[in-house]
N, C-alpha and C. Protein backbone atom coordinates (compact mmCIF):
# COMPACT_ATOMS: atom_id res chain seq x y z
N MET A 1 32.08 -1.63 -1.94
CA MET A 1 30.76 -1.78 -1.36
C MET A 1 30.04 -0.44 -1.49
N ILE A 2 28.79 -0.50 -1.93
CA ILE A 2 27.98 0.70 -2.11
C ILE A 2 27.19 0.97 -0.82
N ALA A 3 27.14 2.22 -0.40
CA ALA A 3 26.37 2.60 0.78
C ALA A 3 24.87 2.51 0.46
N LEU A 4 24.09 2.05 1.43
CA LEU A 4 22.64 1.92 1.26
C LEU A 4 21.91 2.86 2.19
N ASP A 5 20.75 3.36 1.75
CA ASP A 5 19.94 4.20 2.62
C ASP A 5 19.10 3.32 3.54
N GLU A 6 18.22 3.94 4.35
CA GLU A 6 17.45 3.18 5.34
C GLU A 6 16.46 2.21 4.68
N ALA A 7 16.11 2.42 3.41
CA ALA A 7 15.21 1.51 2.70
C ALA A 7 15.97 0.40 1.99
N GLY A 8 17.30 0.42 2.09
CA GLY A 8 18.10 -0.61 1.44
C GLY A 8 18.46 -0.31 0.00
N MET A 9 18.16 0.90 -0.47
CA MET A 9 18.47 1.28 -1.84
C MET A 9 19.85 1.91 -1.90
N PRO A 10 20.57 1.67 -2.98
CA PRO A 10 21.93 2.23 -3.08
C PRO A 10 21.92 3.75 -3.15
N LEU A 11 22.88 4.35 -2.48
CA LEU A 11 23.04 5.80 -2.51
C LEU A 11 23.96 6.13 -3.68
N LEU A 12 23.39 6.56 -4.78
CA LEU A 12 24.17 6.89 -5.97
C LEU A 12 23.87 8.31 -6.38
N ALA A 13 24.88 9.01 -6.85
CA ALA A 13 24.67 10.35 -7.38
C ALA A 13 23.89 10.24 -8.69
N VAL A 14 23.09 11.23 -8.99
CA VAL A 14 22.25 11.20 -10.18
C VAL A 14 23.10 11.12 -11.44
N SER A 15 24.26 11.75 -11.45
CA SER A 15 25.07 11.82 -12.66
C SER A 15 25.97 10.61 -12.86
N THR A 16 25.95 9.65 -11.94
CA THR A 16 26.82 8.48 -12.11
C THR A 16 26.02 7.31 -12.64
N GLY A 17 26.70 6.42 -13.29
CA GLY A 17 26.09 5.20 -13.81
C GLY A 17 26.99 4.03 -13.47
N GLY A 18 26.54 2.85 -13.78
CA GLY A 18 27.36 1.68 -13.55
C GLY A 18 26.63 0.65 -12.71
N SER A 19 27.31 -0.42 -12.44
CA SER A 19 26.69 -1.51 -11.70
C SER A 19 26.84 -1.30 -10.20
N PHE A 20 25.99 -1.97 -9.45
CA PHE A 20 26.04 -1.91 -7.99
C PHE A 20 25.47 -3.22 -7.45
N ASP A 21 25.81 -3.54 -6.21
CA ASP A 21 25.30 -4.73 -5.57
C ASP A 21 23.85 -4.51 -5.16
N LEU A 22 23.00 -5.50 -5.45
CA LEU A 22 21.62 -5.41 -5.00
C LEU A 22 21.54 -5.76 -3.53
N PRO A 23 20.61 -5.13 -2.80
CA PRO A 23 20.39 -5.54 -1.41
C PRO A 23 19.99 -7.01 -1.38
N ARG A 24 20.27 -7.66 -0.28
CA ARG A 24 20.07 -9.11 -0.18
C ARG A 24 18.62 -9.51 -0.48
N TRP A 25 17.66 -8.72 -0.05
CA TRP A 25 16.26 -9.08 -0.27
C TRP A 25 15.87 -9.07 -1.73
N GLN A 26 16.59 -8.32 -2.58
CA GLN A 26 16.27 -8.28 -4.00
C GLN A 26 17.01 -9.35 -4.78
N SER A 27 18.03 -9.95 -4.21
CA SER A 27 18.82 -10.91 -4.96
C SER A 27 18.58 -12.35 -4.53
N CYS A 28 17.60 -12.61 -3.70
CA CYS A 28 17.31 -13.96 -3.26
C CYS A 28 16.61 -14.73 -4.38
N ALA A 29 17.12 -15.89 -4.70
CA ALA A 29 16.53 -16.72 -5.76
C ALA A 29 15.89 -17.98 -5.20
N HIS A 30 15.65 -18.03 -3.89
CA HIS A 30 15.05 -19.22 -3.29
C HIS A 30 13.64 -19.41 -3.86
N PRO A 31 13.24 -20.65 -4.21
CA PRO A 31 11.92 -20.87 -4.79
C PRO A 31 10.76 -20.53 -3.86
N GLU A 32 10.98 -20.45 -2.56
CA GLU A 32 9.92 -20.11 -1.61
C GLU A 32 10.09 -18.69 -1.06
N HIS A 33 10.76 -17.81 -1.83
CA HIS A 33 11.00 -16.44 -1.36
C HIS A 33 9.68 -15.67 -1.23
N GLU A 34 8.78 -15.83 -2.19
CA GLU A 34 7.49 -15.14 -2.16
C GLU A 34 6.49 -15.95 -1.34
N PRO A 35 5.52 -15.29 -0.71
CA PRO A 35 4.47 -16.01 0.02
C PRO A 35 3.65 -16.88 -0.94
N PRO A 36 3.00 -17.90 -0.42
CA PRO A 36 2.19 -18.75 -1.31
C PRO A 36 1.04 -17.95 -1.94
N GLY A 37 0.69 -18.31 -3.15
CA GLY A 37 -0.41 -17.64 -3.83
C GLY A 37 -1.74 -18.26 -3.44
N LEU A 38 -2.81 -17.53 -3.72
CA LEU A 38 -4.17 -17.98 -3.44
C LEU A 38 -4.34 -18.43 -2.00
N LEU A 39 -3.80 -17.66 -1.08
CA LEU A 39 -3.87 -17.97 0.34
C LEU A 39 -5.10 -17.30 0.95
N TYR A 40 -5.93 -18.06 1.63
CA TYR A 40 -7.11 -17.51 2.29
C TYR A 40 -6.71 -17.07 3.70
N ILE A 41 -6.95 -15.79 4.00
CA ILE A 41 -6.67 -15.25 5.32
C ILE A 41 -7.98 -14.71 5.87
N PRO A 42 -8.50 -15.31 6.94
CA PRO A 42 -9.78 -14.84 7.50
C PRO A 42 -9.67 -13.39 8.00
N ALA A 43 -10.80 -12.70 7.98
CA ALA A 43 -10.86 -11.32 8.47
C ALA A 43 -10.39 -11.27 9.92
N GLY A 44 -9.58 -10.29 10.23
CA GLY A 44 -9.07 -10.13 11.59
C GLY A 44 -7.82 -10.93 11.88
N GLN A 45 -7.32 -11.68 10.90
CA GLN A 45 -6.10 -12.45 11.08
C GLN A 45 -5.07 -12.05 10.05
N GLY A 46 -3.84 -12.48 10.27
CA GLY A 46 -2.76 -12.20 9.35
C GLY A 46 -1.92 -13.45 9.14
N TYR A 47 -1.01 -13.37 8.18
CA TYR A 47 -0.10 -14.47 7.87
C TYR A 47 1.30 -13.89 7.73
N ARG A 48 2.25 -14.44 8.43
CA ARG A 48 3.64 -13.97 8.36
C ARG A 48 4.44 -15.02 7.61
N HIS A 49 5.02 -14.63 6.47
CA HIS A 49 5.83 -15.53 5.65
C HIS A 49 7.30 -15.13 5.80
N VAL A 50 8.16 -16.10 6.09
CA VAL A 50 9.60 -15.87 6.20
C VAL A 50 10.29 -16.72 5.14
N CYS A 51 11.10 -16.08 4.30
CA CYS A 51 11.84 -16.79 3.26
C CYS A 51 12.88 -17.70 3.91
N PRO A 52 12.89 -18.99 3.57
CA PRO A 52 13.88 -19.88 4.14
C PRO A 52 15.30 -19.60 3.63
N GLY A 53 15.42 -18.89 2.51
CA GLY A 53 16.73 -18.62 1.94
C GLY A 53 17.42 -17.41 2.55
N CYS A 54 16.71 -16.28 2.61
CA CYS A 54 17.36 -15.03 3.06
C CYS A 54 16.80 -14.52 4.38
N GLY A 55 15.68 -15.07 4.84
CA GLY A 55 15.10 -14.64 6.11
C GLY A 55 14.22 -13.42 6.02
N ALA A 56 13.96 -12.92 4.80
CA ALA A 56 13.08 -11.76 4.65
C ALA A 56 11.67 -12.15 5.09
N ALA A 57 11.03 -11.25 5.85
CA ALA A 57 9.69 -11.53 6.36
C ALA A 57 8.68 -10.60 5.70
N ARG A 58 7.49 -11.12 5.45
CA ARG A 58 6.40 -10.32 4.90
C ARG A 58 5.12 -10.68 5.64
N VAL A 59 4.36 -9.67 6.04
CA VAL A 59 3.10 -9.88 6.75
C VAL A 59 1.97 -9.60 5.77
N LEU A 60 1.05 -10.56 5.64
CA LEU A 60 -0.12 -10.43 4.78
C LEU A 60 -1.36 -10.38 5.66
N THR A 61 -2.33 -9.56 5.26
CA THR A 61 -3.60 -9.48 5.95
C THR A 61 -4.72 -9.59 4.93
N SER A 62 -5.92 -9.90 5.41
CA SER A 62 -7.06 -9.96 4.49
C SER A 62 -7.41 -8.53 4.08
N PRO A 63 -8.06 -8.37 2.92
CA PRO A 63 -8.39 -7.03 2.44
C PRO A 63 -9.25 -6.23 3.42
N SER A 64 -10.03 -6.90 4.26
CA SER A 64 -10.89 -6.17 5.18
C SER A 64 -10.22 -5.91 6.53
N SER A 65 -8.98 -6.36 6.71
CA SER A 65 -8.27 -6.17 7.98
C SER A 65 -7.52 -4.86 7.99
N THR A 66 -7.36 -4.29 9.17
CA THR A 66 -6.52 -3.11 9.34
C THR A 66 -5.55 -3.39 10.48
N LEU A 67 -4.37 -2.83 10.37
CA LEU A 67 -3.35 -3.00 11.43
C LEU A 67 -3.26 -1.77 12.27
């Protein structure tokens, strides 16, 4: 098992090469992993999408919104 940093990226020395396990969020192949496209989000509101396969969550806001 490869150690991961706080961002979920593998901790590898620069001089080493080889394969490593991808973090779960990068290896999900569920067809609904990404949020729906062409989604209208009114100003001042957001949309929270949760992947049914891996449980990864993503929050989307309209371009004019600030958090």
